[in-house]
Amino acid sequence: MGPQLSIGSWHMPLPRQKWLRVLIGCLLVVCGLLGFLPILGFWMVPLGLVVLSHDSAYIRRRRRRMAVWWGRRKQAKAAVKAARG
């Protein structure tokens, strides 16, 4: 089985060719920057970065740091909520 884009329990297969994955990721980011136009949306930027993170160590490290930060933030908010209630 080839590379997959996994977000939670949702999985989407990606092309096996590296150049095609990079092209798809770049197109998503560029089109996402034009999100003010009809049909296109700003949601395409993070999706494109996730696709690019499969082939770029720099983007992969940034994505992982964001995931760790988000998880810690979520735990801290849950702890504050539990302490209040």
N, C-alpha and C. Protein backbone atom coordinates (compact mmCIF):
# COMPACT_ATOMS: atom_id res chain seq x y z
N MET A 1 0.84 -1.18 0.00
CA MET A 1 0.00 0.00 0.00
C MET A 1 0.89 1.24 0.00
N GLY A 2 0.51 2.25 -0.75
CA GLY A 2 1.30 3.48 -0.87
C GLY A 2 1.08 4.42 0.30
N PRO A 3 1.63 5.62 0.19
CA PRO A 3 1.47 6.60 1.27
C PRO A 3 0.01 7.02 1.43
N GLN A 4 -0.32 7.35 2.67
CA GLN A 4 -1.69 7.77 2.98
C GLN A 4 -1.66 9.08 3.75
N LEU A 5 -2.68 9.86 3.56
CA LEU A 5 -2.91 11.05 4.35
C LEU A 5 -3.88 10.64 5.45
N SER A 6 -3.45 10.71 6.71
CA SER A 6 -4.28 10.26 7.83
C SER A 6 -4.54 11.43 8.77
N ILE A 7 -5.80 11.71 8.99
CA ILE A 7 -6.21 12.74 9.95
C ILE A 7 -7.27 12.10 10.83
N GLY A 8 -6.89 11.79 12.06
CA GLY A 8 -7.80 11.08 12.96
C GLY A 8 -8.09 9.70 12.42
N SER A 9 -9.35 9.37 12.24
CA SER A 9 -9.73 8.06 11.70
C SER A 9 -9.98 8.13 10.20
N TRP A 10 -9.70 9.26 9.59
CA TRP A 10 -9.94 9.47 8.17
C TRP A 10 -8.64 9.24 7.40
N HIS A 11 -8.69 8.42 6.36
CA HIS A 11 -7.51 8.09 5.56
C HIS A 11 -7.79 8.34 4.08
N MET A 12 -6.79 8.89 3.39
CA MET A 12 -6.92 9.12 1.96
C MET A 12 -5.62 8.70 1.29
N PRO A 13 -5.69 7.84 0.30
CA PRO A 13 -4.45 7.42 -0.37
C PRO A 13 -3.83 8.55 -1.18
N LEU A 14 -2.50 8.59 -1.21
CA LEU A 14 -1.77 9.57 -1.99
C LEU A 14 -1.06 8.85 -3.14
N PRO A 15 -0.73 9.55 -4.21
CA PRO A 15 0.00 8.92 -5.31
C PRO A 15 1.37 8.40 -4.86
N ARG A 16 1.85 7.37 -5.51
CA ARG A 16 3.16 6.80 -5.16
C ARG A 16 4.31 7.68 -5.63
N GLN A 17 4.12 8.43 -6.73
CA GLN A 17 5.18 9.25 -7.28
C GLN A 17 5.37 10.51 -6.44
N LYS A 18 6.63 10.75 -6.04
CA LYS A 18 6.93 11.90 -5.21
C LYS A 18 6.58 13.21 -5.92
N TRP A 19 6.92 13.32 -7.21
CA TRP A 19 6.68 14.56 -7.94
C TRP A 19 5.20 14.90 -8.00
N LEU A 20 4.35 13.87 -8.06
CA LEU A 20 2.91 14.10 -8.12
C LEU A 20 2.37 14.56 -6.77
N ARG A 21 2.90 13.97 -5.67
CA ARG A 21 2.49 14.42 -4.33
C ARG A 21 2.91 15.88 -4.10
N VAL A 22 4.13 16.22 -4.52
CA VAL A 22 4.62 17.60 -4.35
C VAL A 22 3.77 18.56 -5.19
N LEU A 23 3.43 18.15 -6.41
CA LEU A 23 2.59 18.99 -7.27
C LEU A 23 1.22 19.22 -6.65
N ILE A 24 0.60 18.15 -6.15
CA ILE A 24 -0.72 18.28 -5.52
C ILE A 24 -0.65 19.19 -4.29
N GLY A 25 0.38 19.00 -3.45
CA GLY A 25 0.53 19.84 -2.27
C GLY A 25 0.73 21.30 -2.61
N CYS A 26 1.59 21.57 -3.60
CA CYS A 26 1.84 22.96 -4.02
C CYS A 26 0.58 23.60 -4.61
N LEU A 27 -0.16 22.84 -5.42
CA LEU A 27 -1.39 23.37 -6.00
C LEU A 27 -2.42 23.69 -4.92
N LEU A 28 -2.53 22.82 -3.92
CA LEU A 28 -3.47 23.09 -2.82
C LEU A 28 -3.09 24.36 -2.07
N VAL A 29 -1.80 24.54 -1.80
CA VAL A 29 -1.36 25.74 -1.08
C VAL A 29 -1.62 26.99 -1.92
N VAL A 30 -1.22 26.97 -3.18
CA VAL A 30 -1.38 28.15 -4.04
C VAL A 30 -2.86 28.47 -4.23
N CYS A 31 -3.67 27.47 -4.50
CA CYS A 31 -5.11 27.72 -4.67
C CYS A 31 -5.76 28.16 -3.36
N GLY A 32 -5.24 27.67 -2.24
CA GLY A 32 -5.77 28.08 -0.95
C GLY A 32 -5.49 29.54 -0.65
N LEU A 33 -4.36 30.05 -1.16
CA LEU A 33 -4.06 31.46 -0.97
C LEU A 33 -5.02 32.35 -1.76
N LEU A 34 -5.69 31.76 -2.73
CA LEU A 34 -6.72 32.47 -3.49
C LEU A 34 -8.11 32.16 -2.93
N GLY A 35 -8.18 31.88 -1.66
CA GLY A 35 -9.42 31.44 -1.02
C GLY A 35 -10.54 32.45 -1.01
N PHE A 36 -10.22 33.70 -1.29
CA PHE A 36 -11.28 34.70 -1.33
C PHE A 36 -12.14 34.56 -2.59
N LEU A 37 -11.67 33.78 -3.57
CA LEU A 37 -12.43 33.55 -4.79
C LEU A 37 -13.46 32.45 -4.57
N PRO A 38 -14.55 32.44 -5.36
CA PRO A 38 -15.54 31.37 -5.23
C PRO A 38 -14.91 30.01 -5.53
N ILE A 39 -15.40 28.96 -4.94
CA ILE A 39 -15.00 27.56 -5.08
C ILE A 39 -13.73 27.25 -4.29
N LEU A 40 -12.71 28.10 -4.38
CA LEU A 40 -11.47 27.88 -3.64
C LEU A 40 -11.69 28.29 -2.19
N GLY A 41 -10.89 27.74 -1.30
CA GLY A 41 -11.06 28.09 0.11
C GLY A 41 -9.73 28.05 0.85
N PHE A 42 -9.68 28.78 1.95
CA PHE A 42 -8.47 28.82 2.76
C PHE A 42 -8.18 27.48 3.42
N TRP A 43 -9.13 26.57 3.47
CA TRP A 43 -8.93 25.23 4.02
C TRP A 43 -7.91 24.44 3.21
N MET A 44 -7.65 24.87 1.98
CA MET A 44 -6.73 24.15 1.11
C MET A 44 -5.27 24.32 1.54
N VAL A 45 -4.94 25.41 2.22
CA VAL A 45 -3.56 25.67 2.64
C VAL A 45 -3.08 24.62 3.63
N PRO A 46 -3.78 24.39 4.76
CA PRO A 46 -3.28 23.37 5.68
C PRO A 46 -3.29 21.97 5.06
N LEU A 47 -4.28 21.67 4.23
CA LEU A 47 -4.31 20.36 3.58
C LEU A 47 -3.10 20.19 2.66
N GLY A 48 -2.76 21.23 1.92
CA GLY A 48 -1.58 21.18 1.05
C GLY A 48 -0.30 21.00 1.85
N LEU A 49 -0.20 21.67 3.00
CA LEU A 49 0.98 21.51 3.85
C LEU A 49 1.09 20.10 4.41
N VAL A 50 -0.04 19.49 4.73
CA VAL A 50 -0.01 18.10 5.22
C VAL A 50 0.45 17.17 4.11
N VAL A 51 -0.02 17.39 2.89
CA VAL A 51 0.42 16.56 1.76
C VAL A 51 1.92 16.76 1.53
N LEU A 52 2.38 18.00 1.57
CA LEU A 52 3.80 18.27 1.38
C LEU A 52 4.66 17.70 2.50
N SER A 53 4.11 17.56 3.69
CA SER A 53 4.89 17.07 4.83
C SER A 53 5.34 15.61 4.65
N HIS A 54 4.72 14.88 3.74
CA HIS A 54 5.15 13.51 3.48
C HIS A 54 6.51 13.48 2.82
N ASP A 55 6.89 14.53 2.11
CA ASP A 55 8.14 14.54 1.36
C ASP A 55 9.11 15.62 1.82
N SER A 56 8.74 16.49 2.71
CA SER A 56 9.60 17.57 3.16
C SER A 56 9.82 17.46 4.67
N ALA A 57 11.07 17.23 5.05
CA ALA A 57 11.38 17.09 6.48
C ALA A 57 11.09 18.39 7.23
N TYR A 58 11.35 19.54 6.60
CA TYR A 58 11.12 20.83 7.25
C TYR A 58 9.65 21.00 7.59
N ILE A 59 8.78 20.75 6.63
CA ILE A 59 7.33 20.90 6.85
C ILE A 59 6.84 19.84 7.83
N ARG A 60 7.40 18.63 7.76
CA ARG A 60 7.00 17.55 8.68
C ARG A 60 7.31 17.94 10.12
N ARG A 61 8.51 18.54 10.35
CA ARG A 61 8.87 18.98 11.71
C ARG A 61 7.91 20.06 12.20
N ARG A 62 7.58 21.01 11.34
CA ARG A 62 6.65 22.08 11.73
C ARG A 62 5.25 21.51 12.04
N ARG A 63 4.81 20.54 11.23
CA ARG A 63 3.50 19.93 11.47
C ARG A 63 3.50 19.18 12.80
N ARG A 64 4.59 18.47 13.08
CA ARG A 64 4.66 17.72 14.34
C ARG A 64 4.69 18.66 15.54
N ARG A 65 5.43 19.75 15.45
CA ARG A 65 5.46 20.72 16.55
C ARG A 65 4.07 21.31 16.79
N MET A 66 3.36 21.58 15.71
CA MET A 66 2.00 22.12 15.83
C MET A 66 1.08 21.10 16.49
N ALA A 67 1.22 19.83 16.11
CA ALA A 67 0.38 18.78 16.71
C ALA A 67 0.66 18.63 18.20
N VAL A 68 1.94 18.69 18.58
CA VAL A 68 2.30 18.58 19.99
C VAL A 68 1.78 19.79 20.75
N TRP A 69 1.95 20.99 20.20
CA TRP A 69 1.44 22.20 20.84
C TRP A 69 -0.07 22.13 21.02
N TRP A 70 -0.76 21.69 19.98
CA TRP A 70 -2.22 21.60 20.04
C TRP A 70 -2.67 20.59 21.10
N GLY A 71 -1.98 19.46 21.18
CA GLY A 71 -2.32 18.45 22.18
C GLY A 71 -2.10 18.95 23.60
N ARG A 72 -0.99 19.63 23.82
CA ARG A 72 -0.72 20.19 25.16
C ARG A 72 -1.73 21.26 25.52
N ARG A 73 -2.10 22.08 24.55
CA ARG A 73 -3.10 23.13 24.79
C ARG A 73 -4.44 22.51 25.16
N LYS A 74 -4.81 21.46 24.44
CA LYS A 74 -6.07 20.78 24.70
C LYS A 74 -6.07 20.15 26.10
N GLN A 75 -4.95 19.54 26.49
CA GLN A 75 -4.84 18.94 27.83
C GLN A 75 -4.92 20.02 28.92
N ALA A 76 -4.27 21.15 28.70
CA ALA A 76 -4.29 22.22 29.68
C ALA A 76 -5.70 22.77 29.85
N LYS A 77 -6.42 22.95 28.75
CA LYS A 77 -7.80 23.43 28.85
C LYS A 77 -8.69 22.42 29.57
N ALA A 78 -8.46 21.13 29.32
CA ALA A 78 -9.26 20.09 30.00
C ALA A 78 -8.96 20.09 31.50
N ALA A 79 -7.69 20.30 31.86
CA ALA A 79 -7.31 20.33 33.26
C ALA A 79 -7.94 21.53 33.97
N VAL A 80 -7.96 22.68 33.32
CA VAL A 80 -8.58 23.88 33.90
C VAL A 80 -10.08 23.67 34.06
N LYS A 81 -10.69 23.06 33.06
CA LYS A 81 -12.13 22.80 33.12
C LYS A 81 -12.46 21.81 34.23
N ALA A 82 -11.63 20.78 34.40
CA ALA A 82 -11.84 19.80 35.46
C ALA A 82 -11.66 20.41 36.84
N ALA A 83 -10.72 21.33 36.97
CA ALA A 83 -10.47 21.97 38.26
C ALA A 83 -11.63 22.89 38.66
N ARG A 84 -12.27 23.48 37.67
CA ARG A 84 -13.40 24.37 37.95
C ARG A 84 -14.67 23.59 38.31
N GLY A 85 -14.85 22.46 37.63
CA GLY A 85 -16.12 21.77 37.80
C GLY A 85 -16.02 20.60 38.63
